[in-house]
Amino acid sequence: MYRLGQNMFEPNEESLVLEIVRGFFDIPSEEMMKIGDQFKMLLFDPQTGSEQEAVAKLKEALKEMSKEQVLMAGMFVSGLLRCNLAQQVEQQYLQAKAEGNIEPDCGCD
C-alpha cells in the first residue's frame, strides 16, 4: 500500500523507466544527456537570481523542444523530485562545470 512520503520508485528503477520511455520515442541517449544537462543548468545555475527567474528560463527552453523532449525533461525532473536526488545532481553538475566537463555548445546557457 502507498504511504504518503514514500518514493514511488527507487533511483535505479526510475532510471530504468526513463530508459524505457526514451526508447518509445527513439530519443538517443546522447540527446537525453543534453536534455538533462540543459535542465540541470537551468535549475541549478548559481547565477540565476530567483526561483521565478529559473521558472522563466525553463518555460523558454520548453518552447524550443519537441513534445517528446518536453515529456523526457518532465520525467527527468519528476525523477529528481521523487528520488530526492536534486541536491546530488546539483553538486555533480557544479563539479562537472568547474572541471570543464560541460560542453559550451550543449544549449545549457
Protein backbone atom coordinates (compact mmCIF):
# COMPACT_ATOMS: atom_id res chain seq x y z
CA MET A 1 0.00 0.00 0.00
CA TYR A 2 1.23 3.50 -0.85
CA ARG A 3 2.10 5.72 2.10
CA LEU A 4 2.46 9.48 1.97
CA GLY A 5 6.12 10.42 1.60
CA GLN A 6 7.17 7.05 0.22
CA ASN A 7 9.16 7.15 -3.01
CA MET A 8 7.29 5.79 -6.00
CA PHE A 9 10.50 4.37 -7.49
CA GLU A 10 13.97 3.73 -6.22
CA PRO A 11 16.68 5.62 -8.16
CA ASN A 12 17.69 2.58 -10.21
CA GLU A 13 14.04 1.87 -11.04
CA GLU A 14 13.50 5.50 -12.06
CA SER A 15 16.46 5.24 -14.43
CA LEU A 16 15.04 2.07 -15.97
CA VAL A 17 11.63 3.68 -16.52
CA LEU A 18 13.29 6.73 -18.09
CA GLU A 19 15.25 4.46 -20.45
CA ILE A 20 12.09 2.56 -21.45
CA VAL A 21 10.19 5.76 -22.24
CA ARG A 22 13.24 7.17 -24.06
CA GLY A 23 13.13 4.05 -26.24
CA PHE A 24 9.42 4.56 -27.01
CA PHE A 25 10.29 7.87 -28.69
CA ASP A 26 13.58 6.72 -30.26
CA ILE A 27 15.44 9.50 -28.47
CA PRO A 28 19.18 8.69 -28.49
CA SER A 29 20.97 8.50 -25.15
CA GLU A 30 23.16 11.45 -26.19
CA GLU A 31 20.09 13.62 -26.73
CA MET A 32 18.70 12.60 -23.33
CA MET A 33 22.00 13.59 -21.76
CA LYS A 34 21.77 17.00 -23.46
CA ILE A 35 18.20 17.46 -22.19
CA GLY A 36 19.31 16.52 -18.67
CA ASP A 37 22.35 18.83 -18.82
CA GLN A 38 20.22 21.70 -20.07
CA PHE A 39 17.69 21.27 -17.28
CA LYS A 40 20.40 20.91 -14.62
CA MET A 41 21.91 24.17 -15.83
CA LEU A 42 18.57 25.95 -15.79
CA LEU A 43 17.59 24.59 -12.38
CA PHE A 44 20.88 24.98 -10.54
CA ASP A 45 22.77 27.81 -12.22
CA PRO A 46 24.23 29.83 -9.33
CA GLN A 47 23.83 32.99 -11.41
CA THR A 48 20.05 32.61 -11.50
CA GLY A 49 18.76 35.27 -9.17
CA SER A 50 15.46 33.77 -8.09
CA GLU A 51 13.09 30.85 -8.34
CA GLN A 52 10.89 32.91 -10.67
CA GLU A 53 13.85 33.52 -12.99
CA ALA A 54 14.62 29.79 -13.08
CA VAL A 55 10.97 29.01 -13.93
CA ALA A 56 11.00 31.62 -16.70
CA LYS A 57 14.18 30.09 -18.16
CA LEU A 58 12.63 26.61 -18.02
CA LYS A 59 9.46 27.79 -19.79
CA GLU A 60 11.54 29.42 -22.53
CA ALA A 61 13.61 26.26 -23.01
CA LEU A 62 10.45 24.14 -23.26
CA LYS A 63 9.13 26.28 -26.13
CA GLU A 64 12.08 25.20 -28.26
CA MET A 65 11.67 21.45 -27.58
CA SER A 66 9.55 18.84 -29.30
CA LYS A 67 6.68 17.29 -27.34
CA GLU A 68 8.76 14.14 -26.88
CA GLN A 69 11.69 16.13 -25.50
CA VAL A 70 9.37 18.00 -23.13
CA LEU A 71 7.98 14.69 -21.88
CA MET A 72 11.51 13.36 -21.28
CA ALA A 73 12.51 16.58 -19.50
CA GLY A 74 9.40 16.29 -17.31
CA MET A 75 10.25 12.72 -16.43
CA PHE A 76 13.80 13.78 -15.63
CA VAL A 77 12.63 16.49 -13.23
CA SER A 78 9.93 14.25 -11.76
CA GLY A 79 12.54 11.58 -11.11
CA LEU A 80 14.76 14.08 -9.35
CA LEU A 81 11.94 15.05 -7.04
CA ARG A 82 10.67 11.54 -6.35
CA CYS A 83 14.08 10.07 -5.72
CA ASN A 84 15.29 13.05 -3.68
CA LEU A 85 18.36 13.37 -5.91
CA ALA A 86 18.17 17.07 -6.69
CA GLN A 87 20.93 18.04 -4.25
CA GLN A 88 23.23 15.29 -5.54
CA VAL A 89 22.61 16.27 -9.18
CA GLU A 90 23.28 19.92 -8.39
CA GLN A 91 26.60 19.04 -6.76
CA GLN A 92 27.59 16.81 -9.68
CA TYR A 93 26.66 19.50 -12.20
CA LEU A 94 28.60 22.22 -10.40
CA GLN A 95 31.60 19.91 -10.09
CA ALA A 96 31.46 18.99 -13.78
CA LYS A 97 31.12 22.66 -14.71
CA ALA A 98 34.09 23.58 -12.51
CA GLU A 99 36.14 20.81 -14.13
CA GLY A 100 35.18 22.00 -17.62
CA ASN A 101 33.21 18.84 -18.41
CA ILE A 102 30.07 20.66 -19.57
CA GLU A 103 30.24 21.35 -23.29
CA PRO A 104 29.74 25.03 -24.15
CA ASP A 105 27.53 24.14 -27.14
CA CYS A 106 25.17 21.84 -25.21
CA GLY A 107 22.50 24.56 -25.10
CA CYS A 108 22.78 24.77 -21.31
CA ASP A 109 23.43 28.51 -21.12
